[in-house]
Amino acid sequence: MSVKKEASGRRSVEIRFEVPGTPEEVWQAIATGPGISSWLMPAEFEESHGKPVALKLSFGPGGEARSEVTAWDPPRMYAGQSEGLMPGSPPIAAEWHIEAQAGGTCVIRLVHSLFASTDDWDDQLGEIESGWSGFLRALQLYLQHFRGQSSTLTKWMLPVAGTEAEAWAALATALGLQRVKAGQRWTAPAGAPQLSGVVEYASEAPNDILVRVDQPGPAIAAFGSVDMGGPSMVGMNLYCYGEQGAALATRQAPLWQAWARQHLPILEEPSQGG
């Protein structure tokens, strides 16, 4: 993705993607705490005098991201500003624009920008699309199949021996996810917690697989890997929907912890968030 550079020093990248739903329905998914929690991470908006002033995302124990709300125009756009991508980098802004289309769909434009006088941060800004790709596909699936439903998230992420490619191969092999294609039916192998559904998205750069789960209950299972500059990490987010979602997530969490200990070359005990 190319970085747009302006004379003012503003540098930006833009992601455009289409989703089903009206502007009001899409707004509920991307601009409310329950909506964002249903496809990204547990989220809540801080308010002052009845207006949102900050968005908080929880990534698990000790991991929280906070961005100041700088613009709010429902159901068309909102914007926020947070700390930079890396230590010493300038603050980064994110704008979410909703544009209605014919046929009951909307285009979302997600624009990330920062101000800098050098090219030092262009690579990090340009890598934003790959970091968002799996989550934005989960948003599309949520709006297509689970629109308006609340979600309970159970997740784990583990440090695994080897390079990122080797860590991902270990996870994919253990779960029978090697070379799966979108549209293919997948069932977790014997010894793994019960999960079964349709593969909706499979990417190798980055490594992301999304399964729309129908057994033992409605959910989206997102499997992925990441190189965080230390041990390679693999993990899963399981977004459980509907009235039984919380109960399903509670049952799945300890089962996945036990499975991970037995089937992956982990470097330390797995951490669990919900």
Protein backbone atom coordinates (compact mmCIF):
# COMPACT_ATOMS: atom_id res chain seq x y z
CA MET A 1 0.00 0.00 0.00
CA SER A 2 1.42 3.38 -1.00
CA VAL A 3 1.69 6.24 1.49
CA LYS A 4 0.14 9.52 0.36
CA LYS A 5 2.37 12.49 1.20
CA GLU A 6 1.16 16.09 1.38
CA ALA A 7 3.06 19.39 1.52
CA SER A 8 1.78 19.97 5.06
CA GLY A 9 3.71 16.89 6.27
CA ARG A 10 0.58 14.75 6.56
CA ARG A 11 1.17 11.15 5.47
CA SER A 12 -1.75 8.79 5.12
CA VAL A 13 -2.92 5.38 3.93
CA GLU A 14 -6.49 4.48 3.04
CA ILE A 15 -8.32 1.14 3.11
CA ARG A 16 -11.67 0.83 1.32
CA PHE A 17 -13.97 -2.16 1.67
CA GLU A 18 -17.66 -2.95 1.20
CA VAL A 19 -19.94 -4.34 3.90
CA PRO A 20 -23.63 -5.29 4.01
CA GLY A 21 -26.03 -3.11 5.97
CA THR A 22 -27.43 0.39 6.19
CA PRO A 23 -25.28 3.28 7.45
CA GLU A 24 -27.06 3.05 10.81
CA GLU A 25 -26.37 -0.70 11.09
CA VAL A 26 -22.73 -0.27 10.07
CA TRP A 27 -22.36 2.59 12.56
CA GLN A 28 -23.57 0.33 15.37
CA ALA A 29 -20.88 -2.19 14.38
CA ILE A 30 -17.92 0.20 14.19
CA ALA A 31 -18.82 3.08 16.54
CA THR A 32 -20.27 1.43 19.66
CA GLY A 33 -18.56 -0.63 22.36
CA PRO A 34 -20.75 -3.74 21.89
CA GLY A 35 -20.42 -3.53 18.11
CA ILE A 36 -16.62 -3.24 18.06
CA SER A 37 -16.39 -6.01 20.68
CA SER A 38 -18.21 -8.35 18.29
CA TRP A 39 -15.41 -8.49 15.68
CA LEU A 40 -12.29 -6.81 17.10
CA MET A 41 -11.52 -6.66 20.83
CA PRO A 42 -13.53 -5.80 23.97
CA ALA A 43 -14.21 -2.09 23.58
CA GLU A 44 -15.93 0.77 25.32
CA PHE A 45 -16.31 4.49 24.75
CA GLU A 46 -15.65 6.94 27.55
CA GLU A 47 -18.21 9.74 27.59
CA SER A 48 -18.33 13.27 28.95
CA HIS A 49 -21.56 15.28 28.97
CA GLY A 50 -23.20 12.60 26.85
CA LYS A 51 -20.57 12.63 24.09
CA PRO A 52 -17.81 10.08 23.37
CA VAL A 53 -14.36 11.38 24.29
CA ALA A 54 -12.18 8.26 24.06
CA LEU A 55 -12.21 4.66 22.84
CA LYS A 56 -10.59 1.93 24.94
CA LEU A 57 -9.65 -1.47 23.52
CA SER A 58 -8.66 -4.35 25.80
CA PHE A 59 -6.14 -6.89 24.51
CA GLY A 60 -6.05 -8.93 27.73
CA PRO A 61 -4.45 -8.52 31.16
CA GLY A 62 -2.12 -5.53 31.12
CA GLY A 63 -2.86 -4.69 27.49
CA GLU A 64 -5.04 -1.69 26.71
CA ALA A 65 -5.08 0.85 23.91
CA ARG A 66 -6.76 4.24 24.26
CA SER A 67 -7.50 6.79 21.57
CA GLU A 68 -8.98 10.25 21.96
CA VAL A 69 -12.14 10.87 19.92
CA THR A 70 -11.50 13.93 17.75
CA ALA A 71 -14.58 13.91 15.47
CA TRP A 72 -18.07 12.41 15.82
CA ASP A 73 -20.72 12.62 13.09
CA PRO A 74 -23.10 9.63 13.25
CA PRO A 75 -23.79 7.70 11.11
CA ARG A 76 -21.21 9.09 8.68
CA MET A 77 -17.79 9.29 10.33
CA TYR A 78 -15.77 9.42 13.49
CA ALA A 79 -12.07 9.93 14.13
CA GLY A 80 -9.59 9.33 16.90
CA GLN A 81 -5.94 9.93 17.75
CA SER A 82 -3.62 7.63 19.67
CA GLU A 83 0.03 7.19 20.50
CA GLY A 84 2.42 6.45 17.67
CA LEU A 85 3.09 3.11 16.03
CA MET A 86 6.46 2.74 17.78
CA PRO A 87 8.31 4.50 20.61
CA GLY A 88 9.30 7.96 19.44
CA SER A 89 6.93 8.00 16.46
CA PRO A 90 4.36 10.78 16.03
CA PRO A 91 0.72 10.35 17.10
CA ILE A 92 -1.45 8.54 14.59
CA ALA A 93 -5.02 9.41 13.62
CA ALA A 94 -7.70 7.01 12.39
CA GLU A 95 -10.83 8.09 10.52
CA TRP A 96 -13.79 5.80 9.85
CA HIS A 97 -16.06 6.99 7.01
CA ILE A 98 -19.33 5.26 6.04
CA GLU A 99 -20.67 5.80 2.52
CA ALA A 100 -24.06 4.31 1.56
CA GLN A 101 -24.25 2.30 -1.67
CA ALA A 102 -27.13 1.01 -3.75
CA GLY A 103 -28.43 -2.44 -2.87
CA GLY A 104 -28.21 -2.23 0.92
CA THR A 105 -24.44 -2.05 1.33
CA CYS A 106 -21.94 0.56 2.49
CA VAL A 107 -18.33 1.33 1.71
CA ILE A 108 -16.12 1.94 4.74
CA ARG A 109 -13.06 4.12 4.24
CA LEU A 110 -10.49 3.68 6.98
CA VAL A 111 -7.81 6.38 6.82
CA HIS A 112 -4.70 6.37 9.02
CA SER A 113 -2.52 9.47 9.06
CA LEU A 114 0.34 11.14 10.87
CA PHE A 115 2.45 14.27 10.49
CA ALA A 116 6.20 13.89 9.95
CA SER A 117 8.99 15.74 8.20
CA THR A 118 10.90 12.56 7.29
CA ASP A 119 10.19 9.16 5.72
CA ASP A 120 11.15 7.34 8.93
CA TRP A 121 7.64 6.08 9.68
CA ASP A 122 6.38 5.37 6.17
CA ASP A 123 7.07 1.63 6.31
CA GLN A 124 5.11 1.19 9.53
CA LEU A 125 2.23 3.28 8.18
CA GLY A 126 2.23 1.27 4.97
CA GLU A 127 1.96 -2.02 6.86
CA ILE A 128 -1.32 -1.06 8.50
CA GLU A 129 -3.47 -2.79 5.86
CA SER A 130 -1.99 -6.23 6.58
CA GLY A 131 -2.53 -5.72 10.30
CA TRP A 132 -6.20 -4.93 9.74
CA SER A 133 -6.97 -7.51 7.04
CA GLY A 134 -8.25 -10.36 9.21
CA PHE A 135 -10.21 -8.08 11.54
CA LEU A 136 -11.91 -6.24 8.69
CA ARG A 137 -12.92 -9.55 7.11
CA ALA A 138 -14.36 -10.54 10.50
CA LEU A 139 -16.34 -7.28 10.45
CA GLN A 140 -17.75 -8.18 7.04
CA LEU A 141 -18.74 -11.65 8.32
CA TYR A 142 -20.29 -10.16 11.44
CA LEU A 143 -22.44 -7.75 9.42
CA GLN A 144 -23.41 -10.46 6.95
CA HIS A 145 -24.32 -13.24 9.38
CA PHE A 146 -24.59 -11.87 12.94
CA ARG A 147 -25.58 -8.22 12.49
CA GLY A 148 -26.83 -6.62 15.71
CA GLN A 149 -26.03 -9.62 17.91
CA SER A 150 -23.90 -9.29 21.01
CA SER A 151 -20.69 -11.27 21.28
CA THR A 152 -18.60 -12.86 24.00
CA LEU A 153 -14.93 -13.24 23.12
CA THR A 154 -12.59 -15.94 24.36
CA LYS A 155 -9.04 -15.80 23.08
CA TRP A 156 -5.53 -17.05 23.57
CA MET A 157 -2.13 -16.15 22.18
CA LEU A 158 0.98 -18.24 22.76
CA PRO A 159 4.72 -17.82 22.24
CA VAL A 160 5.78 -20.80 20.13
CA ALA A 161 9.23 -22.12 19.25
CA GLY A 162 10.65 -21.32 15.83
CA THR A 163 10.14 -18.63 13.23
CA GLU A 164 6.70 -17.20 12.56
CA ALA A 165 6.33 -19.52 9.56
CA GLU A 166 7.27 -22.53 11.72
CA ALA A 167 4.95 -21.45 14.53
CA TRP A 168 2.04 -21.02 12.10
CA ALA A 169 2.79 -24.39 10.51
CA ALA A 170 2.65 -26.03 13.94
CA LEU A 171 -0.79 -24.53 14.65
CA ALA A 172 -2.18 -25.21 11.19
CA THR A 173 -0.94 -28.81 11.24
CA ALA A 174 -2.35 -29.50 14.69
CA LEU A 175 -5.77 -28.19 13.63
CA GLY A 176 -5.89 -29.57 10.10
CA LEU A 177 -5.90 -26.08 8.59
CA GLN A 178 -3.06 -26.54 6.10
CA ARG A 179 -4.02 -25.37 2.61
CA VAL A 180 -7.69 -24.83 3.45
CA LYS A 181 -9.68 -22.70 1.00
CA ALA A 182 -12.61 -20.33 1.43
CA GLY A 183 -15.88 -22.23 1.12
CA GLN A 184 -14.42 -25.45 2.48
CA ARG A 185 -16.05 -27.20 5.43
CA TRP A 186 -13.71 -27.61 8.42
CA THR A 187 -14.05 -29.61 11.61
CA ALA A 188 -11.52 -29.53 14.43
CA PRO A 189 -9.62 -32.83 14.65
CA ALA A 190 -10.03 -35.40 17.40
CA GLY A 191 -8.52 -34.17 20.63
CA ALA A 192 -9.34 -30.51 19.94
CA PRO A 193 -12.35 -28.71 21.41
CA GLN A 194 -15.51 -29.15 19.33
CA LEU A 195 -15.65 -26.61 16.51
CA SER A 196 -17.08 -27.00 13.04
CA GLY A 197 -18.03 -24.56 10.30
CA VAL A 198 -17.18 -23.05 6.93
CA VAL A 199 -13.83 -21.44 6.11
CA GLU A 200 -14.68 -17.90 5.01
CA TYR A 201 -11.20 -16.39 4.65
CA ALA A 202 -7.70 -17.83 4.30
CA SER A 203 -4.62 -15.66 3.86
CA GLU A 204 -0.92 -16.48 3.82
CA ALA A 205 0.39 -12.91 4.06
CA PRO A 206 -0.33 -12.41 6.87
CA ASN A 207 -1.35 -15.82 8.19
CA ASP A 208 -5.09 -15.51 8.94
CA ILE A 209 -7.92 -18.03 8.75
CA LEU A 210 -11.53 -17.23 9.63
CA VAL A 211 -14.11 -19.96 10.16
CA ARG A 212 -17.84 -19.20 10.47
CA VAL A 213 -18.69 -21.71 13.17
CA ASP A 214 -22.11 -23.38 13.44
CA GLN A 215 -21.26 -26.18 15.88
CA PRO A 216 -21.45 -26.17 18.89
CA GLY A 217 -22.97 -22.71 18.43
CA PRO A 218 -22.82 -19.61 16.23
CA ALA A 219 -19.37 -18.00 16.29
CA ILE A 220 -16.43 -16.72 14.27
CA ALA A 221 -13.09 -18.42 14.93
CA ALA A 222 -10.07 -16.38 13.86
CA PHE A 223 -6.69 -18.15 13.79
CA GLY A 224 -3.49 -16.20 13.19
CA SER A 225 0.20 -15.67 13.84
CA VAL A 226 2.39 -12.64 14.40
CA ASP A 227 6.07 -11.78 14.79
CA MET A 228 6.27 -9.31 17.67
CA GLY A 229 10.04 -8.89 17.61
CA GLY A 230 10.56 -11.69 20.11
CA PRO A 231 9.04 -15.17 20.23
CA SER A 232 6.65 -15.92 17.39
CA MET A 233 3.04 -15.89 18.52
CA VAL A 234 0.04 -17.93 17.42
CA GLY A 235 -3.50 -17.63 18.69
CA MET A 236 -7.24 -17.72 18.23
CA ASN A 237 -10.10 -15.31 18.81
CA LEU A 238 -13.48 -16.98 19.21
CA TYR A 239 -16.41 -14.56 18.97
CA CYS A 240 -19.49 -16.37 20.32
CA TYR A 241 -22.89 -14.90 19.40
CA GLY A 242 -26.48 -15.09 20.59
CA GLU A 243 -28.13 -15.91 23.89
CA GLN A 244 -25.82 -18.85 24.55
CA GLY A 245 -22.65 -17.04 23.47
CA ALA A 246 -21.37 -16.33 26.98
CA ALA A 247 -21.92 -19.92 28.09
CA LEU A 248 -20.20 -21.26 24.97
CA ALA A 249 -17.19 -18.97 25.45
CA THR A 250 -16.89 -20.01 29.11
CA ARG A 251 -16.89 -23.71 28.16
CA GLN A 252 -14.40 -23.28 25.32
CA ALA A 253 -11.75 -21.29 27.21
CA PRO A 254 -10.32 -24.02 29.50
CA LEU A 255 -10.62 -26.64 26.75
CA TRP A 256 -8.43 -24.59 24.42
CA GLN A 257 -5.91 -23.92 27.15
CA ALA A 258 -5.53 -27.65 27.77
CA TRP A 259 -5.34 -28.43 24.05
CA ALA A 260 -2.63 -25.81 23.46
CA ARG A 261 -0.43 -27.17 26.24
CA GLN A 262 -0.61 -30.64 24.75
CA HIS A 263 -0.30 -29.93 21.02
CA LEU A 264 1.90 -26.86 20.49
CA PRO A 265 5.62 -26.31 21.22
CA ILE A 266 4.88 -23.42 23.56
CA LEU A 267 7.68 -21.51 25.25
CA GLU A 268 5.74 -20.64 28.41
CA GLU A 269 2.29 -21.04 29.91
CA PRO A 270 -0.50 -19.65 27.70
CA SER A 271 -2.31 -16.50 28.74
CA GLN A 272 -6.08 -16.35 28.58
CA GLY A 273 -8.27 -13.32 28.08
CA GLY A 274 -12.00 -12.99 27.71
